[in-house]
Amino acid sequence: MDALDRVVKPKTKRAKRFLEKREPKLKENTKIAMLIKGGNANLTVTEVLKDIYAVKKPFAVLYKKKNITRPFEDQTSLLNILRKNCCSVGSGQRKHLLYGRMFDYHVLDMIELGVEKFVSLKDVKNSKCPEGTKPMLIFAGDAFDVNEEYRRLKSLLIDFFRGPSVPSIRLAGLEYVLHFTAVDGKIYMRSYKVLLKKSGCKIPRIELEEMGPSLDLVMRRTHLASDDLYKLSLKQPKALKPKKKKNISHDVFGTTYGRIHMQKQDLGKLQTRKMKGLKKRPAEKSAGDGGVTPKKSKSA
């Protein structure tokens, strides 16, 4: 049995807190990305990993030393590193980038992308977004919806770049865009800074300014999880599922509709406006009283 698979009992309070952080939670911690240089990583891949680290900070760890790992052939060494650090992985080999993620301390998906063109953050002489800015992700191209490999790549990129979950947002915080375009067998990654300009009304005029990094990628090798394992990884705990409310429905635009159940109404007792024209005549009153007309009192 592997040493990492054994049941470890903590001997100190610090070790106990460490193991409690790694236990399953209803709301998991923000995913941390580990960026590892492969044994044959060249200067271009090294700069790409540095730029991705700058985009992901503070939710990333960058390994500066080279690690000889071949995940598609043997995942043992990679799993040992990931289990110790509880991270997903981004790796670089020569002119290839490897994106991967874990589920239950095992590799779920891995996709290798070839780097054909690269423009770094330093090459674009524009202002940059502050560290830790949550990006807006945009995917363009039919391949992301039609092709299964591209669909998994889209899910993987969302997992990798989404950042922490936030309860609310402010308009000024929407200042960073990551755009992915799939066309003609290539994936174009572009990053922009959102500029809010005056427009003369409450809604500002929006302009996009290229910020870097910029990558032209092509898909190489893939290692995708089976459909059953992928569905299992998407399963949510019952406690997080919203409880259904009776007689309430929503349409595609988010409008809420409610159904009200009322008792049968007696229209004869319906109160109407008191008008002279609606007053009952004496004959109608006597008919309503059973045909008995009241006797007139003798005047004195």
Protein backbone atom coordinates (compact mmCIF):
# COMPACT_ATOMS: atom_id res chain seq x y z
CA MET A 1 0.00 0.00 0.00
CA ASP A 2 1.25 3.47 -0.85
CA ALA A 3 2.19 5.65 2.10
CA LEU A 4 -0.20 8.35 0.89
CA ASP A 5 -3.15 5.92 0.87
CA ARG A 6 -2.83 4.87 4.50
CA VAL A 7 -5.09 6.18 7.27
CA VAL A 8 -2.93 8.78 9.03
CA LYS A 9 -3.83 9.76 12.58
CA PRO A 10 -2.61 13.23 13.54
CA LYS A 11 -0.26 13.46 16.50
CA THR A 12 -0.26 17.23 16.87
CA LYS A 13 -2.90 19.96 16.66
CA ARG A 14 -1.18 21.43 13.64
CA ALA A 15 -1.36 18.10 11.80
CA LYS A 16 -5.02 17.77 12.81
CA ARG A 17 -5.84 21.19 11.33
CA PHE A 18 -3.96 20.27 8.15
CA LEU A 19 -5.97 17.06 7.70
CA GLU A 20 -9.25 18.85 8.47
CA LYS A 21 -8.56 21.33 5.65
CA ARG A 22 -8.16 18.43 3.23
CA GLU A 23 -11.41 16.74 4.24
CA PRO A 24 -14.39 16.95 1.86
CA LYS A 25 -16.54 20.07 2.36
CA LEU A 26 -19.93 21.21 1.14
CA LYS A 27 -18.23 24.30 -0.29
CA GLU A 28 -14.72 23.42 -1.39
CA ASN A 29 -11.78 25.78 -1.06
CA THR A 30 -10.62 27.81 -4.04
CA LYS A 31 -8.68 25.58 -6.41
CA ILE A 32 -4.92 26.11 -6.43
CA ALA A 33 -3.02 25.57 -9.69
CA MET A 34 0.48 24.08 -9.66
CA LEU A 35 2.71 25.10 -12.55
CA ILE A 36 5.58 22.66 -13.17
CA LYS A 37 8.41 22.88 -15.69
CA GLY A 38 9.14 19.63 -17.47
CA GLY A 39 12.59 18.18 -17.96
CA ASN A 40 12.84 19.54 -21.53
CA ALA A 41 11.10 22.90 -21.06
CA ASN A 42 12.60 25.62 -23.28
CA LEU A 43 12.67 29.38 -22.72
CA THR A 44 9.30 29.99 -24.43
CA VAL A 45 7.45 27.49 -22.22
CA THR A 46 9.18 28.92 -19.14
CA GLU A 47 7.92 32.41 -20.00
CA VAL A 48 4.41 31.06 -20.67
CA LEU A 49 4.30 29.43 -17.23
CA LYS A 50 5.49 32.67 -15.61
CA ASP A 51 2.74 34.67 -17.33
CA ILE A 52 0.06 32.14 -16.39
CA TYR A 53 1.34 32.29 -12.82
CA ALA A 54 1.06 36.11 -12.90
CA VAL A 55 -2.54 35.80 -14.13
CA LYS A 56 -3.46 33.16 -11.53
CA LYS A 57 -1.79 34.71 -8.46
CA PRO A 58 -2.41 34.28 -5.53
CA PHE A 59 -4.15 30.96 -6.37
CA ALA A 60 -1.13 29.31 -8.00
CA VAL A 61 2.22 27.76 -7.13
CA LEU A 62 5.16 27.97 -9.56
CA TYR A 63 7.93 25.34 -9.45
CA LYS A 64 11.15 26.93 -10.71
CA LYS A 65 13.14 23.70 -10.86
CA LYS A 66 12.65 21.23 -13.69
CA ASN A 67 10.76 18.01 -12.92
CA ILE A 68 11.10 15.00 -15.19
CA THR A 69 7.48 13.87 -15.42
CA ARG A 70 5.64 12.13 -18.27
CA PRO A 71 1.98 12.09 -17.14
CA PHE A 72 0.67 10.39 -20.29
CA GLU A 73 3.05 7.47 -19.73
CA ASP A 74 3.37 7.29 -15.92
CA GLN A 75 1.30 9.41 -13.50
CA THR A 76 2.92 8.17 -10.26
CA SER A 77 5.45 10.98 -9.78
CA LEU A 78 2.90 13.65 -10.74
CA LEU A 79 0.26 12.25 -8.36
CA ASN A 80 2.73 12.25 -5.46
CA ILE A 81 3.39 15.97 -5.97
CA LEU A 82 -0.29 16.87 -6.43
CA ARG A 83 -1.50 14.88 -3.42
CA LYS A 84 0.96 16.62 -1.12
CA ASN A 85 -0.09 20.07 -2.34
CA CYS A 86 -3.79 19.46 -3.15
CA CYS A 87 -3.56 21.20 -6.54
CA SER A 88 -4.57 20.93 -10.16
CA VAL A 89 -1.72 20.96 -12.66
CA GLY A 90 -0.32 23.05 -15.47
CA SER A 91 2.90 21.73 -16.93
CA GLY A 92 5.30 22.64 -19.72
CA GLN A 93 7.38 20.36 -21.98
CA ARG A 94 9.41 21.85 -24.83
CA LYS A 95 6.74 23.69 -26.86
CA HIS A 96 3.77 21.97 -25.22
CA LEU A 97 1.48 22.97 -22.37
CA LEU A 98 -0.34 20.36 -20.30
CA TYR A 99 -3.55 21.24 -18.44
CA GLY A 100 -4.97 18.73 -15.97
CA ARG A 101 -7.25 18.47 -12.95
CA MET A 102 -7.86 16.01 -10.15
CA PHE A 103 -10.87 14.28 -8.63
CA ASP A 104 -10.62 12.23 -5.45
CA TYR A 105 -6.80 12.53 -5.59
CA HIS A 106 -6.64 10.97 -9.06
CA VAL A 107 -6.10 12.62 -12.43
CA LEU A 108 -9.47 13.28 -14.06
CA ASP A 109 -8.62 15.01 -17.36
CA MET A 110 -5.37 15.93 -19.11
CA ILE A 111 -5.05 17.85 -22.37
CA GLU A 112 -1.78 18.72 -24.09
CA LEU A 113 -1.67 21.92 -26.15
CA GLY A 114 1.09 22.93 -28.53
CA VAL A 115 2.31 26.55 -28.42
CA GLU A 116 2.66 27.99 -31.94
CA LYS A 117 2.81 31.70 -31.10
CA PHE A 118 3.32 33.55 -27.82
CA VAL A 119 3.24 37.21 -26.80
CA SER A 120 4.14 37.78 -23.15
CA LEU A 121 2.93 40.34 -20.64
CA LYS A 122 6.20 42.24 -20.97
CA ASP A 123 5.83 42.65 -24.74
CA VAL A 124 2.50 44.48 -24.43
CA LYS A 125 3.21 47.98 -23.10
CA ASN A 126 -0.20 48.66 -21.57
CA SER A 127 -1.50 48.92 -18.03
CA LYS A 128 -2.17 45.64 -16.23
CA CYS A 129 -4.91 44.46 -13.90
CA PRO A 130 -4.19 44.16 -10.16
CA GLU A 131 -3.12 40.82 -8.74
CA GLY A 132 -6.00 38.49 -7.86
CA THR A 133 -8.50 40.05 -10.29
CA LYS A 134 -11.26 37.57 -11.15
CA PRO A 135 -11.44 37.22 -14.96
CA MET A 136 -14.50 37.11 -17.18
CA LEU A 137 -14.25 34.07 -19.48
CA ILE A 138 -15.57 34.17 -23.05
CA PHE A 139 -15.57 31.16 -25.42
CA ALA A 140 -16.21 31.59 -29.13
CA GLY A 141 -16.46 28.87 -31.76
CA ASP A 142 -18.82 25.99 -32.50
CA ALA A 143 -16.16 23.42 -31.59
CA PHE A 144 -16.59 24.20 -27.88
CA ASP A 145 -20.19 22.96 -28.12
CA VAL A 146 -19.94 20.23 -30.78
CA ASN A 147 -16.63 18.42 -30.27
CA GLU A 148 -16.33 16.37 -27.04
CA GLU A 149 -12.59 17.06 -26.64
CA TYR A 150 -13.10 20.81 -27.06
CA ARG A 151 -16.06 20.66 -24.68
CA ARG A 152 -13.86 19.07 -22.00
CA LEU A 153 -11.15 21.64 -22.75
CA LYS A 154 -13.66 24.43 -22.17
CA SER A 155 -14.67 22.89 -18.83
CA LEU A 156 -11.00 22.47 -17.89
CA LEU A 157 -10.13 26.08 -18.73
CA ILE A 158 -13.11 27.35 -16.72
CA ASP A 159 -11.95 25.27 -13.75
CA PHE A 160 -8.41 26.56 -14.14
CA PHE A 161 -9.05 30.30 -14.53
CA ARG A 162 -12.37 30.93 -12.75
CA GLY A 163 -10.87 31.94 -9.38
CA PRO A 164 -12.78 32.17 -6.09
CA SER A 165 -16.58 32.12 -5.83
CA VAL A 166 -17.96 35.52 -4.78
CA PRO A 167 -21.47 36.35 -3.48
CA SER A 168 -21.68 39.68 -5.32
CA ILE A 169 -19.81 41.78 -7.87
CA ARG A 170 -19.33 45.48 -8.56
CA LEU A 171 -19.12 47.15 -11.93
CA ALA A 172 -15.59 48.49 -11.37
CA GLY A 173 -14.39 44.96 -10.59
CA LEU A 174 -15.23 43.73 -14.10
CA GLU A 175 -11.91 44.76 -15.61
CA TYR A 176 -10.29 41.59 -16.92
CA VAL A 177 -11.38 39.43 -19.89
CA LEU A 178 -9.94 36.10 -21.06
CA HIS A 179 -11.16 35.25 -24.56
CA PHE A 180 -10.78 31.79 -26.12
CA THR A 181 -11.58 31.24 -29.80
CA ALA A 182 -11.64 27.79 -31.46
CA VAL A 183 -11.44 27.91 -35.25
CA ASP A 184 -9.72 25.78 -37.94
CA GLY A 185 -8.28 23.35 -35.39
CA LYS A 186 -6.57 26.05 -33.32
CA ILE A 187 -7.32 27.76 -30.00
CA TYR A 188 -6.55 31.46 -29.72
CA MET A 189 -6.19 32.81 -26.17
CA ARG A 190 -6.34 36.58 -25.77
CA SER A 191 -6.51 38.70 -22.61
CA TYR A 192 -7.90 42.22 -22.38
CA LYS A 193 -8.33 44.94 -19.81
CA VAL A 194 -11.79 46.52 -19.67
CA LEU A 195 -11.82 50.31 -19.80
CA LEU A 196 -14.96 52.11 -18.60
CA LYS A 197 -15.26 55.45 -20.43
CA LYS A 198 -17.77 58.27 -19.99
CA SER A 199 -20.81 57.97 -22.24
CA GLY A 200 -23.05 60.82 -21.08
CA CYS A 201 -25.48 58.46 -19.32
CA LYS A 202 -25.48 56.04 -16.37
CA ILE A 203 -24.17 53.11 -18.44
CA PRO A 204 -20.47 53.63 -19.28
CA ARG A 205 -18.93 53.06 -22.69
CA ILE A 206 -16.78 49.92 -22.71
CA GLU A 207 -13.50 49.51 -24.56
CA LEU A 208 -11.11 46.53 -24.57
CA GLU A 209 -7.35 47.07 -24.42
CA GLU A 210 -5.04 44.11 -25.09
CA MET A 211 -3.02 43.30 -22.00
CA GLY A 212 -1.26 39.96 -22.61
CA PRO A 213 -0.43 37.14 -22.51
CA SER A 214 -1.48 36.07 -26.00
CA LEU A 215 -1.25 32.42 -27.14
CA ASP A 216 -1.95 30.49 -30.34
CA LEU A 217 -2.50 26.86 -29.35
CA VAL A 218 -3.24 23.58 -31.07
CA MET A 219 -4.55 20.43 -29.39
CA ARG A 220 -2.08 17.52 -29.24
CA ARG A 221 -2.84 14.62 -26.90
CA THR A 222 -5.79 14.07 -24.56
CA HIS A 223 -6.53 11.83 -21.58
CA LEU A 224 -10.23 12.19 -20.74
CA ALA A 225 -12.16 10.57 -17.93
CA SER A 226 -14.92 8.10 -18.72
CA ASP A 227 -18.49 9.38 -18.88
CA ASP A 228 -19.43 7.66 -15.59
CA LEU A 229 -16.46 9.12 -13.72
CA TYR A 230 -17.07 12.55 -15.24
CA LYS A 231 -20.72 12.50 -14.11
CA LEU A 232 -19.63 11.39 -10.64
CA SER A 233 -17.25 14.34 -10.41
CA LEU A 234 -20.10 16.74 -11.27
CA LYS A 235 -22.44 15.34 -8.62
CA GLN A 236 -23.48 17.85 -5.96
CA PRO A 237 -24.34 17.09 -2.33
CA LYS A 238 -28.03 17.17 -1.46
CA ALA A 239 -27.42 19.97 1.06
CA LEU A 240 -26.31 22.32 -1.75
CA LYS A 241 -29.22 21.59 -4.06
CA PRO A 242 -31.94 24.29 -3.88
CA LYS A 243 -35.13 23.08 -2.25
CA LYS A 244 -38.16 23.04 -4.51
CA LYS A 245 -41.01 25.34 -3.49
CA LYS A 246 -44.55 24.35 -4.27
CA ASN A 247 -46.56 26.31 -6.84
CA ILE A 248 -43.55 28.44 -7.86
CA SER A 249 -41.99 28.26 -11.33
CA HIS A 250 -39.45 30.23 -13.37
CA ASP A 251 -39.21 30.91 -17.08
CA VAL A 252 -36.09 31.12 -19.23
CA PHE A 253 -35.72 34.84 -18.45
CA GLY A 254 -35.69 34.29 -14.68
CA THR A 255 -39.20 35.65 -14.05
CA THR A 256 -40.91 34.05 -11.05
CA TYR A 257 -44.50 32.84 -11.34
CA GLY A 258 -46.68 31.75 -8.40
CA ARG A 259 -49.94 29.80 -8.30
CA ILE A 260 -52.54 30.77 -5.67
CA HIS A 261 -55.30 28.39 -4.58
CA MET A 262 -58.53 30.10 -3.42
CA GLN A 263 -61.87 28.82 -2.12
CA LYS A 264 -65.00 28.99 -4.28
CA GLN A 265 -66.52 32.46 -4.15
CA ASP A 266 -70.20 33.27 -3.60
CA LEU A 267 -70.89 36.10 -6.01
CA GLY A 268 -74.20 36.86 -4.27
CA LYS A 269 -72.30 38.18 -1.27
CA LEU A 270 -69.92 40.24 -3.35
CA GLN A 271 -69.65 43.77 -2.02
CA THR A 272 -70.18 46.42 -4.68
CA ARG A 273 -70.06 50.17 -4.66
CA LYS A 274 -72.93 51.85 -2.83
CA MET A 275 -74.74 53.82 -5.50
CA LYS A 276 -78.32 55.02 -5.66
CA GLY A 277 -78.78 53.26 -8.97
CA LEU A 278 -77.81 49.92 -7.39
CA LYS A 279 -80.22 50.14 -4.43
CA LYS A 280 -82.89 47.45 -4.36
CA ARG A 281 -86.49 48.42 -4.97
CA PRO A 282 -89.15 47.58 -2.36
CA ALA A 283 -90.51 44.76 -4.59
CA GLU A 284 -87.05 43.21 -4.85
CA LYS A 285 -86.57 43.47 -1.08
CA SER A 286 -89.89 41.72 -0.43
CA ALA A 287 -88.98 38.97 -2.90
CA GLY A 288 -85.70 38.55 -1.14
CA ASP A 289 -87.45 38.27 2.25
CA GLY A 290 -89.76 35.48 1.07
CA GLY A 291 -92.67 37.51 -0.27
CA VAL A 292 -93.63 39.13 3.08
CA THR A 293 -94.02 42.86 2.78
CA PRO A 294 -93.45 44.87 5.94
CA LYS A 295 -96.48 46.67 7.36
CA LYS A 296 -96.48 50.42 7.20
CA SER A 297 -96.65 52.08 10.59
CA LYS A 298 -99.54 54.41 11.16
CA SER A 299 -98.51 57.94 11.39
CA ALA A 300 -99.61 59.79 14.50
